Amino acid sequence: METMLLSRAIKLFLGDQKPTTARSYAYVLKFMEEYTHVYGLYNLHEIHPDHLIEMIQLVVQRPTVKSTATVNKYIKTIKVFFNWCIKCGFLAPPSPAVAIKR
C-alpha cells in the first residue's frame, strides 16, 4: 500500500462530497490536520487511535465547544473520513477512529 499524505487524502475526500457536506466536514478535518502536524504526523498511516482520542479530548476542553452535538460532529466526521480512506484502499483496516466513541 502506497503512503499517502493526510492533506491529500482530505482533499480527495472533500472533493468526493456534495458541496454543502464538504463545507461541513472541512472545518473538522482541517482541525485534525493541524493537530496531527503538531506531532509531526503527515502521512495517513501514521495516525493511530491514541492521537484521535487525545484530539477529541482537546475538542471537549475547548471553551468554544458548548454542546455534545459539536463533539459528536467531530467524531462522526473523523469516522466517516477514515472509513472512506479504507474503502478507497488508502489505509488498511482497522480504522484508527474505531476507538473514539460518541
N, C-alpha and C. Protein backbone atom coordinates (compact mmCIF):
# COMPACT_ATOMS: atom_id res chain seq x y z
N MET A 1 0.84 -1.17 0.00
CA MET A 1 0.00 0.00 0.00
C MET A 1 0.89 1.25 0.00
N GLU A 2 0.59 2.15 -0.88
CA GLU A 2 1.37 3.38 -1.03
C GLU A 2 1.08 4.36 0.10
N THR A 3 2.13 5.05 0.54
CA THR A 3 1.97 6.07 1.57
C THR A 3 1.25 7.27 0.99
N MET A 4 0.26 7.77 1.72
CA MET A 4 -0.48 8.94 1.27
C MET A 4 -0.42 10.02 2.33
N LEU A 5 -0.20 11.24 1.89
CA LEU A 5 -0.24 12.37 2.81
C LEU A 5 -1.66 12.58 3.30
N LEU A 6 -1.78 12.92 4.57
CA LEU A 6 -3.08 13.21 5.15
C LEU A 6 -3.75 14.34 4.39
N SER A 7 -3.00 15.38 4.06
CA SER A 7 -3.58 16.53 3.36
C SER A 7 -4.16 16.13 2.00
N ARG A 8 -3.49 15.23 1.31
CA ARG A 8 -4.00 14.77 0.01
C ARG A 8 -5.27 13.93 0.18
N ALA A 9 -5.28 13.07 1.18
CA ALA A 9 -6.47 12.25 1.44
C ALA A 9 -7.66 13.14 1.79
N ILE A 10 -7.43 14.17 2.58
CA ILE A 10 -8.51 15.10 2.93
C ILE A 10 -9.03 15.80 1.69
N LYS A 11 -8.12 16.26 0.85
CA LYS A 11 -8.52 16.96 -0.39
C LYS A 11 -9.36 16.03 -1.27
N LEU A 12 -8.93 14.79 -1.44
CA LEU A 12 -9.68 13.83 -2.25
C LEU A 12 -11.05 13.53 -1.63
N PHE A 13 -11.07 13.36 -0.32
CA PHE A 13 -12.31 13.07 0.38
C PHE A 13 -13.31 14.21 0.21
N LEU A 14 -12.86 15.44 0.44
CA LEU A 14 -13.77 16.59 0.33
C LEU A 14 -14.26 16.76 -1.10
N GLY A 15 -13.41 16.46 -2.07
CA GLY A 15 -13.81 16.53 -3.47
C GLY A 15 -14.83 15.49 -3.86
N ASP A 16 -14.95 14.45 -3.06
CA ASP A 16 -15.89 13.36 -3.32
C ASP A 16 -17.24 13.59 -2.65
N GLN A 17 -17.39 14.73 -1.97
CA GLN A 17 -18.62 15.03 -1.23
C GLN A 17 -19.45 16.10 -1.95
N LYS A 18 -20.71 16.18 -1.59
CA LYS A 18 -21.55 17.29 -2.05
C LYS A 18 -20.97 18.58 -1.47
N PRO A 19 -21.11 19.70 -2.17
CA PRO A 19 -20.51 20.95 -1.67
C PRO A 19 -20.90 21.33 -0.24
N THR A 20 -22.16 21.17 0.11
CA THR A 20 -22.57 21.54 1.47
C THR A 20 -21.98 20.58 2.51
N THR A 21 -21.89 19.31 2.16
CA THR A 21 -21.29 18.32 3.05
C THR A 21 -19.79 18.58 3.19
N ALA A 22 -19.15 18.89 2.08
CA ALA A 22 -17.71 19.17 2.10
C ALA A 22 -17.41 20.36 3.01
N ARG A 23 -18.22 21.40 2.95
CA ARG A 23 -18.00 22.57 3.82
C ARG A 23 -18.15 22.18 5.29
N SER A 24 -19.11 21.34 5.57
CA SER A 24 -19.34 20.90 6.94
C SER A 24 -18.17 20.06 7.46
N TYR A 25 -17.65 19.18 6.62
CA TYR A 25 -16.55 18.31 7.01
C TYR A 25 -15.20 19.05 7.05
N ALA A 26 -15.04 20.05 6.22
CA ALA A 26 -13.74 20.71 6.05
C ALA A 26 -13.19 21.29 7.34
N TYR A 27 -14.04 21.91 8.14
CA TYR A 27 -13.58 22.54 9.38
C TYR A 27 -12.98 21.51 10.32
N VAL A 28 -13.67 20.41 10.48
CA VAL A 28 -13.22 19.35 11.39
C VAL A 28 -11.92 18.72 10.87
N LEU A 29 -11.86 18.44 9.59
CA LEU A 29 -10.67 17.79 9.03
C LEU A 29 -9.47 18.73 9.03
N LYS A 30 -9.69 20.01 8.86
CA LYS A 30 -8.61 21.00 8.95
C LYS A 30 -8.05 21.01 10.38
N PHE A 31 -8.94 20.97 11.36
CA PHE A 31 -8.51 20.92 12.76
C PHE A 31 -7.68 19.66 13.00
N MET A 32 -8.16 18.51 12.49
CA MET A 32 -7.43 17.25 12.68
C MET A 32 -6.05 17.33 12.01
N GLU A 33 -6.00 17.90 10.82
CA GLU A 33 -4.72 18.02 10.12
C GLU A 33 -3.74 18.89 10.90
N GLU A 34 -4.22 20.02 11.40
CA GLU A 34 -3.36 20.91 12.20
C GLU A 34 -2.90 20.21 13.48
N TYR A 35 -3.80 19.50 14.13
CA TYR A 35 -3.47 18.78 15.36
C TYR A 35 -2.40 17.74 15.10
N THR A 36 -2.54 16.94 14.07
CA THR A 36 -1.58 15.88 13.79
C THR A 36 -0.23 16.44 13.35
N HIS A 37 -0.24 17.56 12.66
CA HIS A 37 1.02 18.17 12.22
C HIS A 37 1.86 18.66 13.39
N VAL A 38 1.20 19.07 14.47
CA VAL A 38 1.93 19.48 15.67
C VAL A 38 2.81 18.33 16.17
N TYR A 39 2.35 17.10 15.98
CA TYR A 39 3.09 15.92 16.42
C TYR A 39 3.96 15.32 15.31
N GLY A 40 4.07 16.02 14.20
CA GLY A 40 4.92 15.55 13.11
C GLY A 40 4.31 14.42 12.32
N LEU A 41 3.00 14.29 12.37
CA LEU A 41 2.31 13.23 11.63
C LEU A 41 1.75 13.81 10.34
N TYR A 42 2.33 13.42 9.22
CA TYR A 42 1.90 13.96 7.93
C TYR A 42 1.29 12.90 7.02
N ASN A 43 1.60 11.65 7.29
CA ASN A 43 1.09 10.56 6.47
C ASN A 43 -0.13 9.92 7.12
N LEU A 44 -1.04 9.51 6.28
CA LEU A 44 -2.29 8.92 6.74
C LEU A 44 -2.07 7.73 7.67
N HIS A 45 -1.14 6.85 7.31
CA HIS A 45 -0.93 5.63 8.08
C HIS A 45 -0.25 5.88 9.44
N GLU A 46 0.25 7.09 9.67
CA GLU A 46 0.92 7.41 10.94
C GLU A 46 -0.08 7.74 12.06
N ILE A 47 -1.33 7.96 11.69
CA ILE A 47 -2.33 8.36 12.68
C ILE A 47 -2.90 7.13 13.34
N HIS A 48 -2.85 7.10 14.66
CA HIS A 48 -3.31 5.96 15.45
C HIS A 48 -4.45 6.37 16.37
N PRO A 49 -5.16 5.40 16.92
CA PRO A 49 -6.29 5.71 17.79
C PRO A 49 -5.96 6.67 18.93
N ASP A 50 -4.77 6.53 19.54
CA ASP A 50 -4.44 7.41 20.66
C ASP A 50 -4.38 8.88 20.24
N HIS A 51 -3.93 9.15 19.01
CA HIS A 51 -3.91 10.53 18.53
C HIS A 51 -5.32 11.10 18.43
N LEU A 52 -6.24 10.28 17.92
CA LEU A 52 -7.62 10.75 17.75
C LEU A 52 -8.34 10.89 19.09
N ILE A 53 -8.06 9.99 20.02
CA ILE A 53 -8.65 10.10 21.35
C ILE A 53 -8.20 11.39 22.01
N GLU A 54 -6.91 11.68 21.96
CA GLU A 54 -6.38 12.92 22.55
C GLU A 54 -6.98 14.15 21.86
N MET A 55 -7.13 14.08 20.55
CA MET A 55 -7.69 15.22 19.82
C MET A 55 -9.13 15.49 20.25
N ILE A 56 -9.93 14.44 20.38
CA ILE A 56 -11.32 14.62 20.81
C ILE A 56 -11.36 15.15 22.24
N GLN A 57 -10.47 14.68 23.10
CA GLN A 57 -10.41 15.23 24.46
C GLN A 57 -10.09 16.72 24.43
N LEU A 58 -9.24 17.12 23.53
CA LEU A 58 -8.92 18.53 23.37
C LEU A 58 -10.14 19.32 22.89
N VAL A 59 -10.88 18.76 21.96
CA VAL A 59 -12.11 19.42 21.46
C VAL A 59 -13.09 19.62 22.61
N VAL A 60 -13.25 18.62 23.44
CA VAL A 60 -14.19 18.69 24.57
C VAL A 60 -13.78 19.81 25.54
N GLN A 61 -12.49 20.03 25.69
CA GLN A 61 -11.99 21.03 26.64
C GLN A 61 -11.99 22.45 26.09
N ARG A 62 -12.21 22.61 24.79
CA ARG A 62 -12.18 23.95 24.19
C ARG A 62 -13.33 24.79 24.73
N PRO A 63 -13.06 26.03 25.11
CA PRO A 63 -14.13 26.88 25.65
C PRO A 63 -15.21 27.22 24.62
N THR A 64 -14.91 27.12 23.34
CA THR A 64 -15.90 27.44 22.32
C THR A 64 -16.88 26.30 22.06
N VAL A 65 -16.57 25.11 22.55
CA VAL A 65 -17.46 23.96 22.35
C VAL A 65 -18.51 23.98 23.46
N LYS A 66 -19.73 24.22 23.04
CA LYS A 66 -20.82 24.39 24.01
C LYS A 66 -21.74 23.18 24.13
N SER A 67 -21.68 22.26 23.18
CA SER A 67 -22.65 21.16 23.21
C SER A 67 -22.02 19.83 22.83
N THR A 68 -22.69 18.78 23.24
CA THR A 68 -22.25 17.44 22.86
C THR A 68 -22.47 17.23 21.36
N ALA A 69 -23.41 17.96 20.76
CA ALA A 69 -23.64 17.84 19.31
C ALA A 69 -22.40 18.23 18.53
N THR A 70 -21.68 19.23 19.01
CA THR A 70 -20.45 19.66 18.34
C THR A 70 -19.40 18.57 18.43
N VAL A 71 -19.24 18.00 19.60
CA VAL A 71 -18.27 16.92 19.78
C VAL A 71 -18.65 15.73 18.90
N ASN A 72 -19.94 15.40 18.87
CA ASN A 72 -20.40 14.29 18.04
C ASN A 72 -20.15 14.55 16.55
N LYS A 73 -20.23 15.82 16.13
CA LYS A 73 -19.95 16.16 14.73
C LYS A 73 -18.48 15.87 14.42
N TYR A 74 -17.58 16.20 15.32
CA TYR A 74 -16.16 15.90 15.13
C TYR A 74 -15.96 14.40 15.01
N ILE A 75 -16.55 13.66 15.93
CA ILE A 75 -16.38 12.20 15.93
C ILE A 75 -16.94 11.58 14.65
N LYS A 76 -18.15 11.98 14.28
CA LYS A 76 -18.79 11.43 13.07
C LYS A 76 -17.96 11.74 11.83
N THR A 77 -17.50 12.97 11.72
CA THR A 77 -16.71 13.37 10.55
C THR A 77 -15.43 12.55 10.45
N ILE A 78 -14.74 12.39 11.56
CA ILE A 78 -13.48 11.64 11.57
C ILE A 78 -13.73 10.18 11.22
N LYS A 79 -14.78 9.59 11.76
CA LYS A 79 -15.10 8.20 11.46
C LYS A 79 -15.43 8.02 9.97
N VAL A 80 -16.24 8.93 9.43
CA VAL A 80 -16.61 8.85 8.01
C VAL A 80 -15.36 8.99 7.14
N PHE A 81 -14.49 9.92 7.48
CA PHE A 81 -13.27 10.14 6.71
C PHE A 81 -12.39 8.88 6.69
N PHE A 82 -12.10 8.32 7.86
CA PHE A 82 -11.21 7.16 7.89
C PHE A 82 -11.86 5.93 7.26
N ASN A 83 -13.16 5.76 7.40
CA ASN A 83 -13.85 4.65 6.74
C ASN A 83 -13.77 4.81 5.22
N TRP A 84 -13.89 6.04 4.73
CA TRP A 84 -13.76 6.32 3.30
C TRP A 84 -12.34 5.98 2.84
N CYS A 85 -11.34 6.35 3.63
CA CYS A 85 -9.94 6.05 3.28
C CYS A 85 -9.71 4.55 3.16
N ILE A 86 -10.30 3.78 4.05
CA ILE A 86 -10.18 2.32 3.98
C ILE A 86 -10.90 1.79 2.75
N LYS A 87 -12.10 2.29 2.51
CA LYS A 87 -12.88 1.85 1.34
C LYS A 87 -12.13 2.12 0.04
N CYS A 88 -11.41 3.23 -0.03
CA CYS A 88 -10.65 3.60 -1.23
C CYS A 88 -9.30 2.89 -1.32
N GLY A 89 -8.91 2.19 -0.27
CA GLY A 89 -7.64 1.48 -0.27
C GLY A 89 -6.45 2.35 0.10
N PHE A 90 -6.70 3.53 0.65
CA PHE A 90 -5.61 4.42 1.06
C PHE A 90 -5.06 4.03 2.43
N LEU A 91 -5.81 3.26 3.17
CA LEU A 91 -5.46 2.89 4.53
C LEU A 91 -5.94 1.47 4.78
N ALA A 92 -5.11 0.69 5.45
CA ALA A 92 -5.51 -0.69 5.78
C ALA A 92 -6.39 -0.68 7.02
N PRO A 93 -7.38 -1.58 7.07
CA PRO A 93 -8.19 -1.67 8.29
C PRO A 93 -7.36 -2.18 9.45
N PRO A 94 -7.76 -1.94 10.66
CA PRO A 94 -8.96 -1.22 11.08
C PRO A 94 -8.73 0.29 11.10
N SER A 95 -9.82 1.02 11.11
CA SER A 95 -9.77 2.47 11.14
C SER A 95 -9.20 2.94 12.49
N PRO A 96 -8.32 3.94 12.48
CA PRO A 96 -7.83 4.48 13.75
C PRO A 96 -8.95 5.18 14.53
N ALA A 97 -10.04 5.47 13.86
CA ALA A 97 -11.17 6.14 14.52
C ALA A 97 -12.07 5.16 15.27
N VAL A 98 -11.76 3.87 15.20
CA VAL A 98 -12.60 2.87 15.86
C VAL A 98 -12.64 3.08 17.37
N ALA A 99 -11.62 3.68 17.92
CA ALA A 99 -11.52 3.84 19.38
C ALA A 99 -12.30 5.04 19.91
N ILE A 100 -12.69 5.97 19.04
CA ILE A 100 -13.41 7.14 19.56
C ILE A 100 -14.91 6.86 19.54
N LYS A 101 -15.54 7.25 20.62
CA LYS A 101 -16.97 6.97 20.81
C LYS A 101 -17.73 8.27 21.03
N ARG A 102 -18.98 8.25 20.61
CA ARG A 102 -19.86 9.41 20.84
C ARG A 102 -20.27 9.44 22.29
